[in-house]
Amino acid sequence: MLHMDVWFQNILVDSAGNVTGLVDFDRALWGDPEIEFAVLDYCGISEPAFWRGYGRERDI
């Protein structure tokens, strides 16, 4: 699943700087992850905490 709207206002981060979640899934779709990587690059998302959490499954 691709989020397609990843930017700082949609990324939840804890006090230690770890990404804990994403919100705002109205543009989400199924597709090639490379599409999302291009969007992230365009938006300047390169934080190490984001990449540590990208693709990890979390309990809801």
C-alpha atoms as a PDB file:
ATOM      1  CA  MET A   1       0.000   0.000   0.000  1.00  0.00           C
ATOM      2  CA  LEU A   2       1.259   3.460  -0.889  1.00  0.00           C
ATOM      3  CA  HIS A   3       0.356   6.440   1.278  1.00  0.00           C
ATOM      4  CA  MET A   4       0.968   9.080  -1.442  1.00  0.00           C
ATOM      5  CA  ASP A   5       0.772  12.023   0.980  1.00  0.00           C
ATOM      6  CA  VAL A   6       3.784  11.577   3.234  1.00  0.00           C
ATOM      7  CA  TRP A   7       5.003  14.901   4.553  1.00  0.00           C
ATOM      8  CA  PHE A   8       5.787  16.251   8.007  1.00  0.00           C
ATOM      9  CA  GLN A   9       2.179  17.028   8.963  1.00  0.00           C
ATOM     10  CA  ASN A  10       1.107  13.421   8.294  1.00  0.00           C
ATOM     11  CA  ILE A  11       4.008  11.712  10.105  1.00  0.00           C
ATOM     12  CA  LEU A  12       3.670  10.942  13.822  1.00  0.00           C
ATOM     13  CA  VAL A  13       6.985  11.095  15.700  1.00  0.00           C
ATOM     14  CA  ASP A  14       7.711  10.409  19.384  1.00  0.00           C
ATOM     15  CA  SER A  15       9.924  12.546  21.635  1.00  0.00           C
ATOM     16  CA  ALA A  16      12.976  10.435  20.692  1.00  0.00           C
ATOM     17  CA  GLY A  17      12.457  11.198  16.991  1.00  0.00           C
ATOM     18  CA  ASN A  18      11.111   7.763  16.056  1.00  0.00           C
ATOM     19  CA  VAL A  19       8.328   7.553  13.494  1.00  0.00           C
ATOM     20  CA  THR A  20       5.332   6.029  15.253  1.00  0.00           C
ATOM     21  CA  GLY A  21       2.663   6.292  12.580  1.00  0.00           C
ATOM     22  CA  LEU A  22       1.102   7.981   9.593  1.00  0.00           C
ATOM     23  CA  VAL A  23      -2.265   9.695   9.239  1.00  0.00           C
ATOM     24  CA  ASP A  24      -4.388  10.923   6.314  1.00  0.00           C
ATOM     25  CA  PHE A  25      -4.837   7.919   4.039  1.00  0.00           C
ATOM     26  CA  ASP A  26      -7.339   9.467   1.602  1.00  0.00           C
ATOM     27  CA  ARG A  27      -4.815   9.195  -1.282  1.00  0.00           C
ATOM     28  CA  ALA A  28      -3.611   5.664  -0.398  1.00  0.00           C
ATOM     29  CA  LEU A  29      -3.502   3.060  -3.154  1.00  0.00           C
ATOM     30  CA  TRP A  30      -1.855  -0.226  -4.128  1.00  0.00           C
ATOM     31  CA  GLY A  31       1.169   0.130  -6.383  1.00  0.00           C
ATOM     32  CA  ASP A  32       4.908  -0.069  -6.881  1.00  0.00           C
ATOM     33  CA  PRO A  33       6.839   1.286  -3.846  1.00  0.00           C
ATOM     34  CA  GLU A  34       9.151   3.157  -6.219  1.00  0.00           C
ATOM     35  CA  ILE A  35       6.287   5.589  -6.845  1.00  0.00           C
ATOM     36  CA  GLU A  36       6.194   6.496  -3.152  1.00  0.00           C
ATOM     37  CA  PHE A  37       9.993   6.802  -3.029  1.00  0.00           C
ATOM     38  CA  ALA A  38       9.820   9.362  -5.846  1.00  0.00           C
ATOM     39  CA  VAL A  39       7.166  11.350  -3.947  1.00  0.00           C
ATOM     40  CA  LEU A  40       9.268  11.211  -0.765  1.00  0.00           C
ATOM     41  CA  ASP A  41      12.331  12.439  -2.661  1.00  0.00           C
ATOM     42  CA  TYR A  42      10.307  15.264  -4.235  1.00  0.00           C
ATOM     43  CA  CYS A  43       9.046  16.320  -0.777  1.00  0.00           C
ATOM     44  CA  GLY A  44      12.529  16.148   0.747  1.00  0.00           C
ATOM     45  CA  ILE A  45      11.766  13.306   3.170  1.00  0.00           C
ATOM     46  CA  SER A  46      15.114  11.771   4.113  1.00  0.00           C
ATOM     47  CA  GLU A  47      15.046  11.540   7.912  1.00  0.00           C
ATOM     48  CA  PRO A  48      16.784   8.397   9.240  1.00  0.00           C
ATOM     49  CA  ALA A  49      13.877   7.780  11.642  1.00  0.00           C
ATOM     50  CA  PHE A  50      11.461   7.654   8.717  1.00  0.00           C
ATOM     51  CA  TRP A  51      13.541   5.062   6.870  1.00  0.00           C
ATOM     52  CA  ARG A  52      14.023   2.951  10.011  1.00  0.00           C
ATOM     53  CA  GLY A  53      10.262   2.632  10.318  1.00  0.00           C
ATOM     54  CA  TYR A  54       9.317   2.435   6.648  1.00  0.00           C
ATOM     55  CA  GLY A  55       7.672  -0.878   5.851  1.00  0.00           C
ATOM     56  CA  ARG A  56       7.573  -2.138   9.430  1.00  0.00           C
ATOM     57  CA  GLU A  57       4.325  -3.676  10.576  1.00  0.00           C
ATOM     58  CA  ARG A  58       2.861  -2.304  13.782  1.00  0.00           C
ATOM     59  CA  ASP A  59       0.020  -3.500  15.965  1.00  0.00           C
ATOM     60  CA  ILE A  60      -3.032  -1.290  15.786  1.00  0.00           C
END
